[in-house]
C-alpha atoms as a PDB file:
ATOM      1  CA  MET A   1      -1.173 -62.248  44.178  1.00  0.00           C
ATOM      2  CA  SER A   2      -1.377 -58.723  45.794  1.00  0.00           C
ATOM      3  CA  GLU A   3      -0.717 -57.062  42.385  1.00  0.00           C
ATOM      4  CA  LEU A   4      -3.426 -59.233  40.848  1.00  0.00           C
ATOM      5  CA  ARG A   5      -5.939 -58.072  43.440  1.00  0.00           C
ATOM      6  CA  HIS A   6      -5.146 -54.458  42.889  1.00  0.00           C
ATOM      7  CA  ARG A   7      -5.581 -54.896  39.267  1.00  0.00           C
ATOM      8  CA  ILE A   8      -8.689 -56.666  39.544  1.00  0.00           C
ATOM      9  CA  LEU A   9     -10.449 -54.139  41.855  1.00  0.00           C
ATOM     10  CA  LEU A  10     -10.060 -50.542  40.510  1.00  0.00           C
ATOM     11  CA  HIS A  11     -12.083 -48.570  43.096  1.00  0.00           C
ATOM     12  CA  ALA A  12     -15.313 -48.410  45.002  1.00  0.00           C
ATOM     13  CA  TYR A  13     -18.323 -47.330  43.022  1.00  0.00           C
ATOM     14  CA  VAL A  14     -20.459 -44.968  45.154  1.00  0.00           C
ATOM     15  CA  THR A  15     -24.045 -43.970  44.202  1.00  0.00           C
ATOM     16  CA  GLU A  16     -27.209 -43.337  46.122  1.00  0.00           C
ATOM     17  CA  LYS A  17     -28.353 -46.744  45.177  1.00  0.00           C
ATOM     18  CA  SER A  18     -25.052 -48.388  46.290  1.00  0.00           C
ATOM     19  CA  MET A  19     -25.227 -46.669  49.540  1.00  0.00           C
ATOM     20  CA  ASP A  20     -28.866 -47.694  50.012  1.00  0.00           C
ATOM     21  CA  GLU A  21     -27.774 -51.334  49.194  1.00  0.00           C
ATOM     22  CA  MET A  22     -24.908 -51.213  51.746  1.00  0.00           C
ATOM     23  CA  GLU A  23     -27.198 -50.190  54.528  1.00  0.00           C
ATOM     24  CA  ARG A  24     -30.091 -52.565  53.759  1.00  0.00           C
ATOM     25  CA  GLN A  25     -28.891 -55.522  51.806  1.00  0.00           C
ATOM     26  CA  ASN A  26     -25.168 -55.755  53.107  1.00  0.00           C
ATOM     27  CA  LYS A  27     -23.899 -55.057  49.404  1.00  0.00           C
ATOM     28  CA  LEU A  28     -20.794 -53.169  48.078  1.00  0.00           C
ATOM     29  CA  GLU A  29     -20.098 -52.169  44.464  1.00  0.00           C
ATOM     30  CA  PHE A  30     -16.606 -51.855  42.945  1.00  0.00           C
ATOM     31  CA  VAL A  31     -15.415 -50.937  39.512  1.00  0.00           C
ATOM     32  CA  VAL A  32     -13.255 -53.979  38.365  1.00  0.00           C
ATOM     33  CA  ASP A  33     -11.235 -54.803  35.310  1.00  0.00           C
ATOM     34  CA  ARG A  34     -13.436 -55.712  32.392  1.00  0.00           C
ATOM     35  CA  ARG A  35     -11.591 -59.002  32.019  1.00  0.00           C
ATOM     36  CA  ALA A  36     -12.099 -60.103  35.661  1.00  0.00           C
ATOM     37  CA  THR A  37     -14.373 -63.076  36.195  1.00  0.00           C
ATOM     38  CA  ARG A  38     -17.026 -63.244  39.253  1.00  0.00           C
ATOM     39  CA  ALA A  39     -14.640 -65.980  40.918  1.00  0.00           C
ATOM     40  CA  GLN A  40     -11.616 -63.611  40.613  1.00  0.00           C
ATOM     41  CA  VAL A  41     -13.660 -60.592  42.068  1.00  0.00           C
ATOM     42  CA  LYS A  42     -14.728 -62.800  45.028  1.00  0.00           C
ATOM     43  CA  ARG A  43     -11.188 -64.063  45.718  1.00  0.00           C
ATOM     44  CA  ALA A  44      -9.768 -60.660  45.484  1.00  0.00           C
ATOM     45  CA  ILE A  45     -12.399 -59.025  47.780  1.00  0.00           C
ATOM     46  CA  GLU A  46     -12.056 -61.896  50.411  1.00  0.00           C
ATOM     47  CA  GLU A  47      -8.143 -61.563  50.260  1.00  0.00           C
ATOM     48  CA  LEU A  48      -7.900 -57.848  50.529  1.00  0.00           C
ATOM     49  CA  TYR A  49     -10.535 -57.070  52.897  1.00  0.00           C
ATOM     50  CA  ARG A  50     -10.470 -60.416  55.074  1.00  0.00           C
ATOM     51  CA  CYS A  51     -14.193 -61.106  54.805  1.00  0.00           C
ATOM     52  CA  LYS A  52     -16.542 -63.774  53.174  1.00  0.00           C
ATOM     53  CA  VAL A  53     -18.474 -63.018  50.022  1.00  0.00           C
ATOM     54  CA  ASP A  54     -21.830 -64.536  49.434  1.00  0.00           C
ATOM     55  CA  LYS A  55     -22.554 -63.596  45.777  1.00  0.00           C
ATOM     56  CA  VAL A  56     -21.067 -61.591  43.092  1.00  0.00           C
ATOM     57  CA  ASN A  57     -23.056 -59.911  40.246  1.00  0.00           C
ATOM     58  CA  THR A  58     -21.567 -58.045  37.479  1.00  0.00           C
ATOM     59  CA  LYS A  59     -22.638 -55.326  34.864  1.00  0.00           C
ATOM     60  CA  ILE A  60     -21.183 -53.298  32.361  1.00  0.00           C
ATOM     61  CA  VAL A  61     -22.061 -49.630  32.504  1.00  0.00           C
ATOM     62  CA  ARG A  62     -20.486 -46.396  31.219  1.00  0.00           C
ATOM     63  CA  VAL A  63     -17.733 -46.228  33.668  1.00  0.00           C
ATOM     64  CA  GLY A  64     -16.793 -49.915  33.099  1.00  0.00           C
ATOM     65  CA  LYS A  65     -17.502 -53.168  34.739  1.00  0.00           C
ATOM     66  CA  VAL A  66     -19.266 -52.952  37.951  1.00  0.00           C
ATOM     67  CA  ALA A  67     -19.293 -55.750  40.546  1.00  0.00           C
ATOM     68  CA  THR A  68     -21.968 -55.878  43.242  1.00  0.00           C
ATOM     69  CA  VAL A  69     -20.857 -58.039  46.066  1.00  0.00           C
ATOM     70  CA  ARG A  70     -23.141 -59.345  48.822  1.00  0.00           C
ATOM     71  CA  LEU A  71     -21.291 -60.167  52.018  1.00  0.00           C
ATOM     72  CA  THR A  72     -22.126 -62.980  54.446  1.00  0.00           C
ATOM     73  CA  LYS A  73     -24.074 -61.958  57.598  1.00  0.00           C
ATOM     74  CA  GLU A  74     -21.061 -62.281  59.705  1.00  0.00           C
ATOM     75  CA  TYR A  75     -19.464 -59.187  57.970  1.00  0.00           C
ATOM     76  CA  SER A  76     -20.852 -55.667  57.783  1.00  0.00           C
ATOM     77  CA  ALA A  77     -20.734 -53.877  54.440  1.00  0.00           C
ATOM     78  CA  GLU A  78     -20.485 -50.480  56.197  1.00  0.00           C
ATOM     79  CA  ASP A  79     -17.302 -51.647  57.958  1.00  0.00           C
ATOM     80  CA  ILE A  80     -15.716 -53.083  54.686  1.00  0.00           C
ATOM     81  CA  GLY A  81     -16.812 -49.841  52.958  1.00  0.00           C
ATOM     82  CA  SER A  82     -15.110 -47.665  55.208  1.00  0.00           C
ATOM     83  CA  ARG A  83     -11.875 -49.593  54.595  1.00  0.00           C
ATOM     84  CA  ALA A  84     -12.522 -49.496  50.858  1.00  0.00           C
ATOM     85  CA  GLY A  85     -12.886 -45.635  50.795  1.00  0.00           C
ATOM     86  CA  VAL A  86     -16.631 -45.295  50.466  1.00  0.00           C
ATOM     87  CA  PHE A  87     -16.932 -42.794  53.273  1.00  0.00           C
END
């Protein structure tokens, strides 16, 4: 399963907007495989970063498919973001 997680989550997507969402709304953004479903993204993030995901939204942009992930209140997006390589 670890190979699948690393094929689904390609890297963190860092913009000014994503940094603002991380601080204010407890959200993170990742560039993911275009074929990945929301459920697969949710499972991959929960297993890789040992956290609980509240909601996943996806959009197609120039760099590929971007997943916006809102974490539950028990987990801090800033802590997970530091482990994901945002900082």
